[in-house]
Amino acid sequence: MSTQDKFAANRALWNARVPHHLSSRMYDVEGFVAGRNSLTAIEFQLLGDVGGKDILHLQCHFGQDTLSLARMGARVTGLDISDAALAEARKLAERCGLAANWVESNVIDHRPELDGGSDIVFTSYGTIGWLPDLRPWAANIARYLRPGGRLVFVEFHPAVWMFDNDFTHVAYSYFNRQTIVEEEQGTYADRNAPIQLTSYGWNHDLGEVLTALLDAGLRIERFTEQDGSPHDCFANTVKGPDGMYRIKGMEGKLPMVYGLVATKKEVDRP
């Protein structure tokens, strides 16, 4: 099966997920329309003040985080491979009375019209696992940033993706050594959703992530890891007093989320 066929299968999966995510408790669309911000503490901490900034949100799904940034005063563009998700993102922006641009594209495909247009490129949670190779991803981020611009990236830890879906045993390598093929039953936001499709994913160790960004000319300014997830999207979780979700029996032992800030070099002045 070619890589393009795998991307097409994943796009079909994400299109199928959209209506179930829209109606899910996790995404709480009505609460969002009423004013809820979908970003979590780690994103707020790494982003800082975004007022007046041009932000490109990669793999934006149906746009809640994108529009949360707009509510914080940023000028936003959301990019995603799913046409169904972007159709709903446009509707959501209209319902919220917010301005946003939307681009349908695979994140590894270069979009020259975006070059040098962003103060911040933002991407978070469950994104790079859909990419077999991080080098074009990192190269595009560097292209899209203005000199001195920042990548703000928050992602589930590669240690999490080593386990089977029920976290009973280690099923996959920490390293990017295989395509992870799974028969998806339901979706993380609605495990009873009538979806049964094949997904294709890849694990990316931290060394691979950091090296891809460094090789693209970005400088790592900050890196952080957390032992819990702000989102309850895994099986067998328990909620801690801090509001974070951890795998039962592995509380405090398993890294679940990491975040980083990387900057593009300023233009040398004569």
C-alpha atoms as a PDB file:
ATOM      1  CA  MET A   1       0.000   0.000   0.000  1.00  0.00           C
ATOM      2  CA  SER A   2       1.456   3.369  -1.008  1.00  0.00           C
ATOM      3  CA  THR A   3       1.922   6.267   1.413  1.00  0.00           C
ATOM      4  CA  GLN A   4      -0.661   8.267  -0.536  1.00  0.00           C
ATOM      5  CA  ASP A   5      -3.181   5.440  -0.117  1.00  0.00           C
ATOM      6  CA  LYS A   6      -2.492   5.467   3.628  1.00  0.00           C
ATOM      7  CA  PHE A   7      -3.069   9.221   3.745  1.00  0.00           C
ATOM      8  CA  ALA A   8      -6.335   8.747   1.837  1.00  0.00           C
ATOM      9  CA  ALA A   9      -7.471   6.101   4.343  1.00  0.00           C
ATOM     10  CA  ASN A  10      -6.621   8.382   7.272  1.00  0.00           C
ATOM     11  CA  ARG A  11      -8.463  11.282   5.643  1.00  0.00           C
ATOM     12  CA  ALA A  12     -11.547   9.060   5.276  1.00  0.00           C
ATOM     13  CA  LEU A  13     -11.242   8.140   8.959  1.00  0.00           C
ATOM     14  CA  TRP A  14     -11.090  11.774  10.044  1.00  0.00           C
ATOM     15  CA  ASN A  15     -14.022  12.678   7.806  1.00  0.00           C
ATOM     16  CA  ALA A  16     -16.022   9.882   9.437  1.00  0.00           C
ATOM     17  CA  ARG A  17     -15.113  11.114  12.913  1.00  0.00           C
ATOM     18  CA  VAL A  18     -16.291  14.689  12.382  1.00  0.00           C
ATOM     19  CA  PRO A  19     -20.067  14.332  13.031  1.00  0.00           C
ATOM     20  CA  HIS A  20     -19.430  12.218  16.137  1.00  0.00           C
ATOM     21  CA  HIS A  21     -16.905  14.713  17.503  1.00  0.00           C
ATOM     22  CA  LEU A  22     -19.328  17.570  16.892  1.00  0.00           C
ATOM     23  CA  SER A  23     -21.947  15.885  19.078  1.00  0.00           C
ATOM     24  CA  SER A  24     -19.533  14.602  21.738  1.00  0.00           C
ATOM     25  CA  ARG A  25     -19.249  15.697  25.335  1.00  0.00           C
ATOM     26  CA  MET A  26     -15.478  16.004  24.928  1.00  0.00           C
ATOM     27  CA  TYR A  27     -15.701  18.763  22.317  1.00  0.00           C
ATOM     28  CA  ASP A  28     -18.773  20.425  23.881  1.00  0.00           C
ATOM     29  CA  VAL A  29     -19.555  22.549  20.836  1.00  0.00           C
ATOM     30  CA  GLU A  30     -22.395  24.464  22.480  1.00  0.00           C
ATOM     31  CA  GLY A  31     -20.177  25.354  25.402  1.00  0.00           C
ATOM     32  CA  PHE A  32     -17.526  26.520  22.971  1.00  0.00           C
ATOM     33  CA  VAL A  33     -19.979  28.718  21.088  1.00  0.00           C
ATOM     34  CA  ALA A  34     -20.988  30.182  24.448  1.00  0.00           C
ATOM     35  CA  GLY A  35     -17.395  31.237  25.102  1.00  0.00           C
ATOM     36  CA  ARG A  36     -15.387  28.247  26.379  1.00  0.00           C
ATOM     37  CA  ASN A  37     -11.691  28.301  25.416  1.00  0.00           C
ATOM     38  CA  SER A  38     -10.531  24.874  24.228  1.00  0.00           C
ATOM     39  CA  LEU A  39      -6.836  25.406  24.957  1.00  0.00           C
ATOM     40  CA  THR A  40      -5.295  23.919  28.101  1.00  0.00           C
ATOM     41  CA  ALA A  41      -2.794  25.218  30.649  1.00  0.00           C
ATOM     42  CA  ILE A  42       0.298  23.905  28.874  1.00  0.00           C
ATOM     43  CA  GLU A  43      -0.679  25.654  25.629  1.00  0.00           C
ATOM     44  CA  PHE A  44      -1.379  28.944  27.448  1.00  0.00           C
ATOM     45  CA  GLN A  45       1.995  28.712  29.146  1.00  0.00           C
ATOM     46  CA  LEU A  46       3.954  28.075  25.945  1.00  0.00           C
ATOM     47  CA  LEU A  47       1.998  30.492  23.728  1.00  0.00           C
ATOM     48  CA  GLY A  48       2.052  33.539  25.978  1.00  0.00           C
ATOM     49  CA  ASP A  49       0.316  36.668  24.696  1.00  0.00           C
ATOM     50  CA  VAL A  50      -0.947  36.080  21.147  1.00  0.00           C
ATOM     51  CA  GLY A  51      -2.766  39.387  20.700  1.00  0.00           C
ATOM     52  CA  GLY A  52      -2.102  40.842  17.249  1.00  0.00           C
ATOM     53  CA  LYS A  53      -0.099  37.795  16.129  1.00  0.00           C
ATOM     54  CA  ASP A  54      -0.529  35.907  12.858  1.00  0.00           C
ATOM     55  CA  ILE A  55      -0.936  32.237  13.805  1.00  0.00           C
ATOM     56  CA  LEU A  56      -1.017  29.206  11.520  1.00  0.00           C
ATOM     57  CA  HIS A  57      -2.644  26.210  13.210  1.00  0.00           C
ATOM     58  CA  LEU A  58      -1.582  22.942  11.571  1.00  0.00           C
ATOM     59  CA  GLN A  59      -3.911  19.906  11.667  1.00  0.00           C
ATOM     60  CA  CYS A  60      -6.659  22.058  13.148  1.00  0.00           C
ATOM     61  CA  HIS A  61      -9.554  19.527  12.908  1.00  0.00           C
ATOM     62  CA  PHE A  62     -12.825  21.522  13.001  1.00  0.00           C
ATOM     63  CA  GLY A  63     -11.174  24.582  14.414  1.00  0.00           C
ATOM     64  CA  GLN A  64     -11.911  24.938  18.117  1.00  0.00           C
ATOM     65  CA  ASP A  65      -8.300  25.671  19.089  1.00  0.00           C
ATOM     66  CA  THR A  66      -7.895  27.896  16.028  1.00  0.00           C
ATOM     67  CA  LEU A  67     -10.918  29.951  17.009  1.00  0.00           C
ATOM     68  CA  SER A  68      -9.824  30.005  20.661  1.00  0.00           C
ATOM     69  CA  LEU A  69      -6.674  31.762  19.454  1.00  0.00           C
ATOM     70  CA  ALA A  70      -8.835  34.188  17.480  1.00  0.00           C
ATOM     71  CA  ARG A  71     -10.777  34.950  20.657  1.00  0.00           C
ATOM     72  CA  MET A  72      -7.442  35.761  22.286  1.00  0.00           C
ATOM     73  CA  GLY A  73      -6.768  38.417  19.668  1.00  0.00           C
ATOM     74  CA  ALA A  74      -4.758  36.530  17.051  1.00  0.00           C
ATOM     75  CA  ARG A  75      -5.259  36.520  13.293  1.00  0.00           C
ATOM     76  CA  VAL A  76      -5.639  32.826  12.505  1.00  0.00           C
ATOM     77  CA  THR A  77      -5.389  30.311   9.687  1.00  0.00           C
ATOM     78  CA  GLY A  78      -6.302  26.661  10.205  1.00  0.00           C
ATOM     79  CA  LEU A  79      -4.923  23.895   7.976  1.00  0.00           C
ATOM     80  CA  ASP A  80      -6.226  20.335   7.840  1.00  0.00           C
ATOM     81  CA  ILE A  81      -6.430  17.355   5.487  1.00  0.00           C
ATOM     82  CA  SER A  82     -10.118  16.716   6.210  1.00  0.00           C
ATOM     83  CA  ASP A  83     -12.572  18.591   3.996  1.00  0.00           C
ATOM     84  CA  ALA A  84     -15.437  17.570   6.282  1.00  0.00           C
ATOM     85  CA  ALA A  85     -13.668  19.067   9.307  1.00  0.00           C
ATOM     86  CA  LEU A  86     -12.943  22.341   7.522  1.00  0.00           C
ATOM     87  CA  ALA A  87     -16.553  22.638   6.361  1.00  0.00           C
ATOM     88  CA  GLU A  88     -17.592  22.471  10.016  1.00  0.00           C
ATOM     89  CA  ALA A  89     -14.801  24.863  11.022  1.00  0.00           C
ATOM     90  CA  ARG A  90     -16.268  27.484   8.694  1.00  0.00           C
ATOM     91  CA  LYS A  91     -19.714  26.976  10.227  1.00  0.00           C
ATOM     92  CA  LEU A  92     -18.306  27.189  13.743  1.00  0.00           C
ATOM     93  CA  ALA A  93     -16.443  30.417  12.966  1.00  0.00           C
ATOM     94  CA  GLU A  94     -19.659  31.928  11.635  1.00  0.00           C
ATOM     95  CA  ARG A  95     -21.627  30.844  14.709  1.00  0.00           C
ATOM     96  CA  CYS A  96     -18.997  32.395  16.958  1.00  0.00           C
ATOM     97  CA  GLY A  97     -18.694  35.580  14.903  1.00  0.00           C
ATOM     98  CA  LEU A  98     -14.949  35.061  14.462  1.00  0.00           C
ATOM     99  CA  ALA A  99     -12.688  35.658  11.465  1.00  0.00           C
ATOM    100  CA  ALA A 100     -10.438  32.829  10.271  1.00  0.00           C
ATOM    101  CA  ASN A 101      -8.898  31.483   7.091  1.00  0.00           C
ATOM    102  CA  TRP A 102      -8.961  27.768   6.295  1.00  0.00           C
ATOM    103  CA  VAL A 103      -6.629  25.727   4.079  1.00  0.00           C
ATOM    104  CA  GLU A 104      -7.303  22.141   2.998  1.00  0.00           C
ATOM    105  CA  SER A 105      -3.942  20.414   2.711  1.00  0.00           C
ATOM    106  CA  ASN A 106      -1.778  17.582   3.938  1.00  0.00           C
ATOM    107  CA  VAL A 107       0.583  19.173   6.442  1.00  0.00           C
ATOM    108  CA  ILE A 108       3.638  17.726   4.677  1.00  0.00           C
ATOM    109  CA  ASP A 109       2.708  19.318   1.337  1.00  0.00           C
ATOM    110  CA  HIS A 110       4.348  22.709   0.875  1.00  0.00           C
ATOM    111  CA  ARG A 111       1.919  25.613   0.449  1.00  0.00           C
ATOM    112  CA  PRO A 112       4.045  28.503  -0.905  1.00  0.00           C
ATOM    113  CA  GLU A 113       1.296  31.053  -0.270  1.00  0.00           C
ATOM    114  CA  LEU A 114       1.871  30.515   3.470  1.00  0.00           C
ATOM    115  CA  ASP A 115       5.625  31.159   3.363  1.00  0.00           C
ATOM    116  CA  GLY A 116       6.824  33.783   5.822  1.00  0.00           C
ATOM    117  CA  GLY A 117       3.313  34.651   6.937  1.00  0.00           C
ATOM    118  CA  SER A 118       3.239  33.512  10.555  1.00  0.00           C
ATOM    119  CA  ASP A 119       4.519  34.847  13.834  1.00  0.00           C
ATOM    120  CA  ILE A 120       3.540  31.528  15.415  1.00  0.00           C
ATOM    121  CA  VAL A 121       2.941  28.078  13.987  1.00  0.00           C
ATOM    122  CA  PHE A 122       0.872  26.074  16.441  1.00  0.00           C
ATOM    123  CA  THR A 123       0.035  22.369  16.468  1.00  0.00           C
ATOM    124  CA  SER A 124      -1.121  20.078  19.248  1.00  0.00           C
ATOM    125  CA  TYR A 125      -2.250  16.621  20.365  1.00  0.00           C
ATOM    126  CA  GLY A 126      -2.374  13.630  18.067  1.00  0.00           C
ATOM    127  CA  THR A 127      -0.783  15.293  15.034  1.00  0.00           C
ATOM    128  CA  ILE A 128       2.617  13.943  14.014  1.00  0.00           C
ATOM    129  CA  GLY A 129       1.604  10.312  14.523  1.00  0.00           C
ATOM    130  CA  TRP A 130      -0.176  10.549  11.159  1.00  0.00           C
ATOM    131  CA  LEU A 131       3.095  11.398   9.370  1.00  0.00           C
ATOM    132  CA  PRO A 132       5.666   8.815   8.270  1.00  0.00           C
ATOM    133  CA  ASP A 133       8.517  11.342   7.963  1.00  0.00           C
ATOM    134  CA  LEU A 134       8.924  14.513  10.023  1.00  0.00           C
ATOM    135  CA  ARG A 135      11.465  16.202   7.764  1.00  0.00           C
ATOM    136  CA  PRO A 136       8.946  17.774   5.332  1.00  0.00           C
ATOM    137  CA  TRP A 137       6.752  18.745   8.291  1.00  0.00           C
ATOM    138  CA  ALA A 138       9.620  20.578   9.976  1.00  0.00           C
ATOM    139  CA  ALA A 139      10.801  22.152   6.710  1.00  0.00           C
ATOM    140  CA  ASN A 140       7.330  23.581   6.067  1.00  0.00           C
ATOM    141  CA  ILE A 141       7.135  25.006   9.588  1.00  0.00           C
ATOM    142  CA  ALA A 142      10.434  26.806   9.010  1.00  0.00           C
ATOM    143  CA  ARG A 143       9.165  28.148   5.682  1.00  0.00           C
ATOM    144  CA  TYR A 144       5.893  29.403   7.132  1.00  0.00           C
ATOM    145  CA  LEU A 145       7.481  31.270  10.043  1.00  0.00           C
ATOM    146  CA  ARG A 146       8.714  34.830   9.799  1.00  0.00           C
ATOM    147  CA  PRO A 147      12.265  35.483  11.004  1.00  0.00           C
ATOM    148  CA  GLY A 148      12.104  35.401  14.788  1.00  0.00           C
ATOM    149  CA  GLY A 149       8.812  33.491  14.674  1.00  0.00           C
ATOM    150  CA  ARG A 150       7.994  30.583  16.977  1.00  0.00           C
ATOM    151  CA  LEU A 151       6.721  27.044  16.708  1.00  0.00           C
ATOM    152  CA  VAL A 152       4.557  26.098  19.697  1.00  0.00           C
ATOM    153  CA  PHE A 153       4.066  22.331  19.696  1.00  0.00           C
ATOM    154  CA  VAL A 154       2.247  20.164  22.256  1.00  0.00           C
ATOM    155  CA  GLU A 155       1.906  16.443  21.649  1.00  0.00           C
ATOM    156  CA  PHE A 156       1.192  13.131  23.319  1.00  0.00           C
ATOM    157  CA  HIS A 157       4.413  11.470  24.389  1.00  0.00           C
ATOM    158  CA  PRO A 158       5.807   8.678  22.183  1.00  0.00           C
ATOM    159  CA  ALA A 159       5.928   6.422  25.258  1.00  0.00           C
ATOM    160  CA  VAL A 160       2.103   6.439  25.248  1.00  0.00           C
ATOM    161  CA  TRP A 161       1.957   5.127  21.686  1.00  0.00           C
ATOM    162  CA  MET A 162       4.067   2.080  22.572  1.00  0.00           C
ATOM    163  CA  PHE A 163       1.068   0.478  24.283  1.00  0.00           C
ATOM    164  CA  ASP A 164      -1.956  -1.319  22.917  1.00  0.00           C
ATOM    165  CA  ASN A 165      -5.200   0.671  23.095  1.00  0.00           C
ATOM    166  CA  ASP A 166      -6.121  -0.775  26.505  1.00  0.00           C
ATOM    167  CA  PHE A 167      -2.635  -0.178  27.993  1.00  0.00           C
ATOM    168  CA  THR A 168      -2.207  -3.819  28.945  1.00  0.00           C
ATOM    169  CA  HIS A 169       1.162  -4.377  27.229  1.00  0.00           C
ATOM    170  CA  VAL A 170       3.836  -2.760  25.069  1.00  0.00           C
ATOM    171  CA  ALA A 171       2.801  -3.437  21.480  1.00  0.00           C
ATOM    172  CA  TYR A 172       4.927  -1.069  19.383  1.00  0.00           C
ATOM    173  CA  SER A 173       8.433   0.334  19.245  1.00  0.00           C
ATOM    174  CA  TYR A 174       9.290   3.692  20.786  1.00  0.00           C
ATOM    175  CA  PHE A 175      11.148   4.377  17.549  1.00  0.00           C
ATOM    176  CA  ASN A 176       9.788   4.975  14.038  1.00  0.00           C
ATOM    177  CA  ARG A 177      10.445   1.450  12.797  1.00  0.00           C
ATOM    178  CA  GLN A 178       7.043   0.308  11.594  1.00  0.00           C
ATOM    179  CA  THR A 179       3.711   1.485  10.276  1.00  0.00           C
ATOM    180  CA  ILE A 180       1.142   1.068  13.027  1.00  0.00           C
ATOM    181  CA  VAL A 181      -1.994  -0.374  11.430  1.00  0.00           C
ATOM    182  CA  GLU A 182      -5.105  -0.452  13.589  1.00  0.00           C
ATOM    183  CA  GLU A 183      -8.762  -1.217  13.039  1.00  0.00           C
ATOM    184  CA  GLU A 184     -10.469   1.786  14.589  1.00  0.00           C
ATOM    185  CA  GLN A 185     -13.594   0.996  16.591  1.00  0.00           C
ATOM    186  CA  GLY A 186     -15.416   4.180  17.497  1.00  0.00           C
ATOM    187  CA  THR A 187     -13.348   7.279  18.221  1.00  0.00           C
ATOM    188  CA  TYR A 188     -11.502   8.744  21.189  1.00  0.00           C
ATOM    189  CA  ALA A 189     -14.294  11.297  21.719  1.00  0.00           C
ATOM    190  CA  ASP A 190     -17.095   8.721  21.417  1.00  0.00           C
ATOM    191  CA  ARG A 191     -16.026   5.112  21.844  1.00  0.00           C
ATOM    192  CA  ASN A 192     -19.503   3.919  20.845  1.00  0.00           C
ATOM    193  CA  ALA A 193     -19.555   5.771  17.532  1.00  0.00           C
ATOM    194  CA  PRO A 194     -20.401   3.399  14.644  1.00  0.00           C
ATOM    195  CA  ILE A 195     -17.012   3.781  12.968  1.00  0.00           C
ATOM    196  CA  GLN A 196     -14.964   0.812  11.849  1.00  0.00           C
ATOM    197  CA  LEU A 197     -12.091   1.936   9.634  1.00  0.00           C
ATOM    198  CA  THR A 198      -8.374   1.244   9.294  1.00  0.00           C
ATOM    199  CA  SER A 199      -5.841   3.832  10.428  1.00  0.00           C
ATOM    200  CA  TYR A 200      -2.154   4.107   9.578  1.00  0.00           C
ATOM    201  CA  GLY A 201       0.212   5.759  12.022  1.00  0.00           C
ATOM    202  CA  TRP A 202       3.861   6.151  12.949  1.00  0.00           C
ATOM    203  CA  ASN A 203       5.565   6.659  16.308  1.00  0.00           C
ATOM    204  CA  HIS A 204       8.221   9.377  16.553  1.00  0.00           C
ATOM    205  CA  ASP A 205      10.778   9.290  19.344  1.00  0.00           C
ATOM    206  CA  LEU A 206      11.799  12.595  20.890  1.00  0.00           C
ATOM    207  CA  GLY A 207      15.208  12.480  19.233  1.00  0.00           C
ATOM    208  CA  GLU A 208      13.570  12.273  15.815  1.00  0.00           C
ATOM    209  CA  VAL A 209      11.290  15.217  16.594  1.00  0.00           C
ATOM    210  CA  LEU A 210      14.029  17.469  17.918  1.00  0.00           C
ATOM    211  CA  THR A 211      16.479  16.562  15.149  1.00  0.00           C
ATOM    212  CA  ALA A 212      13.912  17.291  12.417  1.00  0.00           C
ATOM    213  CA  LEU A 213      13.300  20.761  13.861  1.00  0.00           C
ATOM    214  CA  LEU A 214      16.996  21.490  14.380  1.00  0.00           C
ATOM    215  CA  ASP A 215      17.857  20.344  10.857  1.00  0.00           C
ATOM    216  CA  ALA A 216      15.155  22.697   9.524  1.00  0.00           C
ATOM    217  CA  GLY A 217      17.048  25.590  11.113  1.00  0.00           C
ATOM    218  CA  LEU A 218      14.905  26.083  14.209  1.00  0.00           C
ATOM    219  CA  ARG A 219      16.321  26.579  17.686  1.00  0.00           C
ATOM    220  CA  ILE A 220      14.760  24.751  20.613  1.00  0.00           C
ATOM    221  CA  GLU A 221      14.032  27.323  23.295  1.00  0.00           C
ATOM    222  CA  ARG A 222      11.944  25.308  25.712  1.00  0.00           C
ATOM    223  CA  PHE A 223      11.002  21.681  26.285  1.00  0.00           C
ATOM    224  CA  THR A 224       8.688  20.228  28.932  1.00  0.00           C
ATOM    225  CA  GLU A 225       7.165  16.844  29.771  1.00  0.00           C
ATOM    226  CA  GLN A 226       4.116  15.974  31.868  1.00  0.00           C
ATOM    227  CA  ASP A 227       2.972  12.741  33.502  1.00  0.00           C
ATOM    228  CA  GLY A 228      -0.700  13.400  32.720  1.00  0.00           C
ATOM    229  CA  SER A 229      -2.971  14.413  29.865  1.00  0.00           C
ATOM    230  CA  PRO A 230      -5.440  17.306  30.031  1.00  0.00           C
ATOM    231  CA  HIS A 231      -7.677  15.348  27.669  1.00  0.00           C
ATOM    232  CA  ASP A 232      -9.465  12.131  28.637  1.00  0.00           C
ATOM    233  CA  CYS A 233      -8.934  10.392  25.308  1.00  0.00           C
ATOM    234  CA  PHE A 234      -7.298   7.123  26.365  1.00  0.00           C
ATOM    235  CA  ALA A 235      -8.690   3.937  27.874  1.00  0.00           C
ATOM    236  CA  ASN A 236      -8.364   3.033  31.555  1.00  0.00           C
ATOM    237  CA  THR A 237      -7.650   6.536  32.833  1.00  0.00           C
ATOM    238  CA  VAL A 238      -8.083   8.023  36.279  1.00  0.00           C
ATOM    239  CA  LYS A 239      -8.490  11.738  36.951  1.00  0.00           C
ATOM    240  CA  GLY A 240      -6.084  13.245  39.431  1.00  0.00           C
ATOM    241  CA  PRO A 241      -6.752  16.114  41.854  1.00  0.00           C
ATOM    242  CA  ASP A 242      -4.952  18.399  39.381  1.00  0.00           C
ATOM    243  CA  GLY A 243      -7.550  17.581  36.703  1.00  0.00           C
ATOM    244  CA  MET A 244      -5.063  15.588  34.618  1.00  0.00           C
ATOM    245  CA  TYR A 245      -5.795  12.083  33.335  1.00  0.00           C
ATOM    246  CA  ARG A 246      -3.350   9.237  33.857  1.00  0.00           C
ATOM    247  CA  ILE A 247      -3.350   5.539  33.013  1.00  0.00           C
ATOM    248  CA  LYS A 248      -4.591   3.520  35.969  1.00  0.00           C
ATOM    249  CA  GLY A 249      -1.712   1.686  37.621  1.00  0.00           C
ATOM    250  CA  MET A 250       0.896   3.894  35.927  1.00  0.00           C
ATOM    251  CA  GLU A 251       0.116   7.168  37.703  1.00  0.00           C
ATOM    252  CA  GLY A 252       3.237   9.301  37.961  1.00  0.00           C
ATOM    253  CA  LYS A 253       5.334   6.750  36.060  1.00  0.00           C
ATOM    254  CA  LEU A 254       4.417   7.281  32.401  1.00  0.00           C
ATOM    255  CA  PRO A 255       5.181  10.498  30.477  1.00  0.00           C
ATOM    256  CA  MET A 256       2.002  11.386  28.604  1.00  0.00           C
ATOM    257  CA  VAL A 257       2.444  14.840  27.090  1.00  0.00           C
ATOM    258  CA  TYR A 258       5.367  17.008  26.000  1.00  0.00           C
ATOM    259  CA  GLY A 259       5.576  20.566  24.745  1.00  0.00           C
ATOM    260  CA  LEU A 260       8.214  22.709  23.117  1.00  0.00           C
ATOM    261  CA  VAL A 261       8.922  26.131  21.712  1.00  0.00           C
ATOM    262  CA  ALA A 262      11.323  26.486  18.774  1.00  0.00           C
ATOM    263  CA  THR A 263      12.289  29.754  17.067  1.00  0.00           C
ATOM    264  CA  LYS A 264      13.394  30.739  13.602  1.00  0.00           C
ATOM    265  CA  LYS A 265      16.556  32.817  13.373  1.00  0.00           C
ATOM    266  CA  GLU A 266      16.183  36.545  13.047  1.00  0.00           C
ATOM    267  CA  VAL A 267      17.427  38.121   9.829  1.00  0.00           C
ATOM    268  CA  ASP A 268      21.018  39.294  10.216  1.00  0.00           C
ATOM    269  CA  ARG A 269      21.202  43.053  10.097  1.00  0.00           C
ATOM    270  CA  PRO A 270      23.938  44.718   8.040  1.00  0.00           C
END
